[in-house]
Amino acid sequence: MTADAQQKIPVTLATLRAMQQRGEKIACLTTYDASFTRVLEAAGVEMFIVGDSLGMVLMGYESTVPVTMDDMLHHAASVARAGRSAWRVVDLPSGSYETPGQALLNARRLMDEGGAHMVKLEGGTGKVAIVEHLVGHDIPVCGHIGLLPQSVEEYGGYRVQGRDEAGAAAILADAVALENAGAGMLVIECIPAVLAARVTGAVTMPVIGIGAGPDCDGQVLVLYDMLGMTAGHQPRFVKDFLQEGGSIHAAVAAYVAAVKDGSYPASEHNY
């Protein structure tokens, strides 16, 4: 199927699950505005994450923590106005889901005002009650485990998670707990590839990896990272597709193709 044909058919969670079941990799990127959203959909990206990473790549913050609900609503709505086909997952920002009631209020705003199809929150077993409450009120939830950018100060920086036996067991337990609570999708970030394969095999929901090896059901990168636009040190898993593609449109198409054929992530991108 061509990218143009894909563009005409809205992607749903059922679409992504069907892709998972037949072994077709899911191509996901972050996006924050209407123009990039159109480019990504034209290239065949099936899933967007409107991430609180916008705080770092667009707003100049040192972390995602200062991002507000107003920030997320502004960018999510921009993406939704332009989006025609891709499944849209929007981050609940730091401090916006401390209690089930607060989480529900803010998740509904992301759905109603921001045009989200699904909301994403960070944390595992400690967020089970939140996930259950949201799902119980018909809010689709994507979990996020492994490295948690909203809690990066607790780790002492951006570090690979789950390297030891106890850490790996905790991440596996988080994944299973989130699925049992009703989460419909999972993002795992910055963990060893062997552990990511175990997590992917331990749950039935689609698993999207970032710095988590080739065995996840799909891959995501921060858009600005894969276009080589982010200054400073880059994590091992980042690849600059613009350098090879020569244009933004070609770079995004090359990323989608590399995810689909399994050439990204390659061994040099894995932990």
Protein backbone atom coordinates (compact mmCIF):
# COMPACT_ATOMS: atom_id res chain seq x y z
CA MET A 1 0.00 0.00 0.00
CA THR A 2 1.36 3.42 -0.90
CA ALA A 3 1.77 6.26 1.55
CA ASP A 4 -1.00 8.14 -0.29
CA ALA A 5 -3.36 5.21 0.14
CA GLN A 6 -2.48 4.88 3.82
CA GLN A 7 -3.16 8.57 4.28
CA LYS A 8 -6.80 8.12 3.28
CA ILE A 9 -7.50 5.39 5.84
CA PRO A 10 -7.60 6.56 9.47
CA VAL A 11 -5.39 4.47 11.73
CA THR A 12 -7.11 3.15 14.85
CA LEU A 13 -5.86 1.17 17.82
CA ALA A 14 -7.36 -1.88 16.13
CA THR A 15 -5.25 -1.09 13.05
CA LEU A 16 -2.10 -1.01 15.17
CA ARG A 17 -3.00 -4.26 16.92
CA ALA A 18 -3.58 -5.93 13.55
CA MET A 19 -0.16 -4.73 12.40
CA GLN A 20 1.36 -6.14 15.57
CA GLN A 21 -0.31 -9.51 15.06
CA ARG A 22 0.95 -9.89 11.50
CA GLY A 23 4.45 -8.73 12.44
CA GLU A 24 4.38 -5.40 10.60
CA LYS A 25 6.42 -2.77 12.42
CA ILE A 26 4.67 0.45 13.50
CA ALA A 27 6.39 3.68 12.44
CA CYS A 28 5.91 6.45 14.99
CA LEU A 29 7.40 9.93 15.39
CA THR A 30 6.77 12.87 17.66
CA THR A 31 5.11 15.91 16.10
CA TYR A 32 4.08 19.24 17.54
CA ASP A 33 2.57 21.33 14.73
CA ALA A 34 0.42 21.24 11.63
CA SER A 35 3.15 21.50 8.99
CA PHE A 36 5.23 18.58 10.22
CA THR A 37 2.06 16.57 10.80
CA ARG A 38 1.21 16.81 7.08
CA VAL A 39 4.74 15.79 6.08
CA LEU A 40 4.75 12.79 8.40
CA GLU A 41 1.36 11.54 7.28
CA ALA A 42 2.34 11.87 3.62
CA ALA A 43 5.37 9.66 4.35
CA GLY A 44 3.21 6.93 5.90
CA VAL A 45 3.83 7.46 9.62
CA GLU A 46 1.03 5.53 11.35
CA MET A 47 1.28 6.98 14.84
CA PHE A 48 2.17 10.32 16.38
CA ILE A 49 3.20 11.13 19.91
CA VAL A 50 2.59 14.77 20.78
CA GLY A 51 5.25 14.59 23.44
CA ASP A 52 6.18 16.82 26.32
CA SER A 53 9.61 16.63 24.67
CA LEU A 54 8.36 19.83 23.02
CA GLY A 55 9.54 21.58 26.16
CA MET A 56 13.13 20.79 25.26
CA VAL A 57 13.10 20.93 21.45
CA LEU A 58 10.72 23.88 21.00
CA MET A 59 10.67 25.83 24.25
CA GLY A 60 14.27 25.67 25.42
CA TYR A 61 13.73 23.96 28.77
CA GLU A 62 16.37 21.63 30.20
CA SER A 63 13.79 18.89 30.82
CA THR A 64 10.15 18.07 30.19
CA VAL A 65 9.11 18.94 33.74
CA PRO A 66 8.15 22.63 33.19
CA VAL A 67 5.71 21.78 30.36
CA THR A 68 2.13 22.69 31.26
CA MET A 69 -1.30 21.47 30.26
CA ASP A 70 -1.80 24.67 28.27
CA ASP A 71 1.40 23.91 26.34
CA MET A 72 0.24 20.39 25.55
CA LEU A 73 -3.26 21.50 24.56
CA HIS A 74 -1.90 24.16 22.21
CA HIS A 75 0.37 21.76 20.33
CA ALA A 76 -2.00 18.79 20.40
CA ALA A 77 -4.76 20.88 18.85
CA SER A 78 -2.37 22.08 16.12
CA VAL A 79 -1.58 18.48 15.24
CA ALA A 80 -5.23 17.43 15.37
CA ARG A 81 -6.33 20.21 13.03
CA ALA A 82 -3.90 18.98 10.36
CA GLY A 83 -4.05 15.25 11.06
CA ARG A 84 -6.10 13.04 8.78
CA SER A 85 -4.91 9.49 9.28
CA ALA A 86 -2.35 8.80 12.03
CA TRP A 87 -3.21 7.63 15.54
CA ARG A 88 -2.54 10.53 17.94
CA VAL A 89 -1.13 9.90 21.42
CA VAL A 90 -0.69 12.96 23.64
CA ASP A 91 1.40 13.18 26.81
CA LEU A 92 -0.07 14.11 30.14
CA PRO A 93 2.57 16.58 31.38
CA SER A 94 4.36 16.38 34.70
CA GLY A 95 2.12 17.10 37.67
CA SER A 96 -1.11 16.70 35.72
CA TYR A 97 -2.03 13.19 36.91
CA GLU A 98 -1.19 13.06 40.59
CA THR A 99 -4.64 11.72 41.55
CA PRO A 100 -7.27 9.76 39.61
CA GLY A 101 -9.60 12.75 39.57
CA GLN A 102 -6.95 15.17 38.34
CA ALA A 103 -5.81 12.68 35.71
CA LEU A 104 -9.34 12.24 34.41
CA LEU A 105 -9.98 15.97 34.21
CA ASN A 106 -6.78 16.60 32.27
CA ALA A 107 -7.07 13.54 30.06
CA ARG A 108 -10.55 14.61 29.02
CA ARG A 109 -9.19 18.02 28.10
CA LEU A 110 -6.51 16.42 25.93
CA MET A 111 -9.19 14.34 24.20
CA ASP A 112 -11.85 17.04 23.86
CA GLU A 113 -9.76 20.18 23.33
CA GLY A 114 -6.51 18.66 22.07
CA GLY A 115 -7.94 16.05 19.71
CA ALA A 116 -6.02 13.15 21.29
CA HIS A 117 -7.01 9.59 20.45
CA MET A 118 -5.09 8.29 23.47
CA VAL A 119 -3.21 9.81 26.40
CA LYS A 120 0.21 8.74 27.64
CA LEU A 121 1.51 8.78 31.19
CA GLU A 122 4.79 7.76 32.78
CA GLY A 123 5.19 5.10 35.45
CA GLY A 124 4.35 1.48 36.11
CA THR A 125 2.89 -0.25 39.15
CA GLY A 126 2.55 3.05 40.98
CA LYS A 127 0.19 4.34 38.29
CA VAL A 128 -2.18 1.36 38.19
CA ALA A 129 -5.00 3.16 40.02
CA ILE A 130 -4.70 6.13 37.65
CA VAL A 131 -4.81 3.89 34.57
CA GLU A 132 -7.78 1.93 35.90
CA HIS A 133 -9.66 5.16 36.58
CA LEU A 134 -9.01 6.58 33.13
CA VAL A 135 -9.86 3.36 31.30
CA GLY A 136 -12.97 3.01 33.45
CA HIS A 137 -14.08 6.37 32.04
CA ASP A 138 -13.38 5.38 28.43
CA ILE A 139 -10.02 7.16 28.11
CA PRO A 140 -7.52 5.04 26.14
CA VAL A 141 -4.15 4.96 27.89
CA CYS A 142 -0.60 4.40 26.68
CA GLY A 143 1.90 3.59 29.42
CA HIS A 144 5.55 4.67 29.44
CA ILE A 145 8.19 2.72 31.37
CA GLY A 146 11.96 2.34 31.50
CA LEU A 147 13.56 5.77 31.43
CA LEU A 148 10.96 8.30 32.56
CA PRO A 149 11.90 11.81 31.37
CA GLN A 150 9.56 13.47 33.87
CA SER A 151 11.51 11.77 36.69
CA VAL A 152 15.00 12.06 35.21
CA GLU A 153 16.36 13.99 38.20
CA GLU A 154 15.63 10.96 40.38
CA TYR A 155 17.93 8.87 38.14
CA GLY A 156 20.73 11.42 38.24
CA GLY A 157 20.44 11.99 34.49
CA TYR A 158 19.42 10.19 31.33
CA ARG A 159 20.65 6.66 32.00
CA VAL A 160 19.82 3.24 30.63
CA GLN A 161 17.36 1.45 32.91
CA GLY A 162 16.97 -2.25 33.72
CA ARG A 163 20.60 -3.27 33.39
CA ASP A 164 20.61 -5.37 36.57
CA GLU A 165 18.33 -8.25 37.51
CA ALA A 166 16.24 -6.27 39.99
CA GLY A 167 15.75 -3.37 37.59
CA ALA A 168 14.79 -5.71 34.75
CA ALA A 169 12.29 -7.53 36.95
CA ALA A 170 10.72 -4.24 38.01
CA ILE A 171 10.29 -3.11 34.39
CA LEU A 172 8.70 -6.43 33.44
CA ALA A 173 6.35 -6.14 36.42
CA ASP A 174 5.47 -2.58 35.39
CA ALA A 175 4.52 -3.70 31.87
CA VAL A 176 2.28 -6.51 33.06
CA ALA A 177 0.66 -4.31 35.73
CA LEU A 178 -0.17 -1.60 33.19
CA GLU A 179 -1.74 -4.08 30.78
CA ASN A 180 -3.76 -5.66 33.59
CA ALA A 181 -4.95 -2.17 34.55
CA GLY A 182 -6.30 -1.67 31.04
CA ALA A 183 -3.54 0.19 29.17
CA GLY A 184 -3.87 -0.33 25.43
CA MET A 185 -0.31 0.45 24.38
CA LEU A 186 3.15 0.80 25.90
CA VAL A 187 6.25 2.91 25.22
CA ILE A 188 9.53 1.59 26.62
CA GLU A 189 12.52 3.90 26.67
CA CYS A 190 16.24 3.38 27.02
CA ILE A 191 16.50 -0.23 28.19
CA PRO A 192 18.67 -3.14 26.99
CA ALA A 193 17.43 -4.75 23.79
CA VAL A 194 17.27 -8.19 25.43
CA LEU A 195 14.98 -6.84 28.16
CA ALA A 196 12.82 -5.00 25.62
CA ALA A 197 12.27 -8.28 23.78
CA ARG A 198 11.16 -9.91 27.05
CA VAL A 199 8.77 -7.05 27.79
CA THR A 200 7.30 -7.19 24.29
CA GLY A 201 6.73 -10.91 24.66
CA ALA A 202 5.19 -10.58 28.11
CA VAL A 203 2.24 -8.38 27.07
CA THR A 204 -0.33 -8.50 24.29
CA MET A 205 -0.63 -4.73 23.75
CA PRO A 206 1.55 -3.07 21.08
CA VAL A 207 4.94 -2.02 22.42
CA ILE A 208 6.74 0.99 20.91
CA GLY A 209 10.44 1.31 21.64
CA ILE A 210 12.80 4.26 21.83
CA GLY A 211 16.33 3.13 22.57
CA ALA A 212 14.91 -0.33 23.27
CA GLY A 213 16.21 -2.47 20.42
CA PRO A 214 14.66 -4.04 17.33
CA ASP A 215 12.17 -6.49 18.84
CA CYS A 216 9.46 -4.02 19.87
CA ASP A 217 6.30 -3.84 17.77
CA GLY A 218 7.23 -0.36 16.58
CA GLN A 219 9.74 2.45 16.94
CA VAL A 220 9.53 6.11 17.85
CA LEU A 221 12.06 8.93 17.73
CA VAL A 222 11.83 12.59 18.61
CA LEU A 223 11.31 14.25 15.22
CA TYR A 224 14.02 16.85 15.75
CA ASP A 225 16.52 14.16 16.72
CA MET A 226 15.98 12.08 13.58
CA LEU A 227 16.37 15.25 11.49
CA GLY A 228 19.70 16.03 13.15
CA MET A 229 18.42 19.30 14.59
CA THR A 230 19.12 18.68 18.28
CA ALA A 231 22.32 20.24 19.64
CA GLY A 232 24.68 18.54 22.05
CA HIS A 233 25.31 14.90 22.84
CA GLN A 234 22.89 12.45 21.25
CA PRO A 235 21.95 9.08 22.72
CA ARG A 236 23.22 5.97 20.98
CA PHE A 237 19.80 5.13 19.58
CA VAL A 238 19.43 8.38 17.61
CA LYS A 239 20.05 8.29 13.85
CA ASP A 240 20.18 11.39 11.63
CA PHE A 241 18.01 10.44 8.65
CA LEU A 242 18.22 13.92 7.12
CA GLN A 243 21.94 13.50 6.49
CA GLU A 244 21.21 10.56 4.20
CA GLY A 245 17.83 11.70 2.84
CA GLY A 246 18.81 15.20 1.82
CA SER A 247 15.37 16.70 2.47
CA ILE A 248 12.86 16.53 5.30
CA HIS A 249 10.34 14.61 3.18
CA ALA A 250 12.97 12.08 2.09
CA ALA A 251 14.32 11.73 5.63
CA VAL A 252 10.92 10.89 7.07
CA ALA A 253 10.23 8.43 4.24
CA ALA A 254 13.64 6.81 4.88
CA TYR A 255 12.85 6.50 8.60
CA VAL A 256 9.51 4.81 7.86
CA ALA A 257 11.17 2.42 5.42
CA ALA A 258 13.97 1.58 7.87
CA VAL A 259 11.51 0.82 10.67
CA LYS A 260 9.42 -1.31 8.33
CA ASP A 261 12.31 -3.37 6.96
CA GLY A 262 14.03 -3.72 10.34
CA SER A 263 17.22 -1.90 9.37
CA TYR A 264 16.52 0.64 12.13
CA PRO A 265 17.41 0.26 14.89
CA ALA A 266 20.65 -1.49 13.90
CA SER A 267 23.06 -3.06 16.39
CA GLU A 268 24.94 0.21 16.90
CA HIS A 269 21.73 1.85 18.16
CA ASN A 270 21.03 -0.74 20.86
CA TYR A 271 21.99 -1.07 24.51
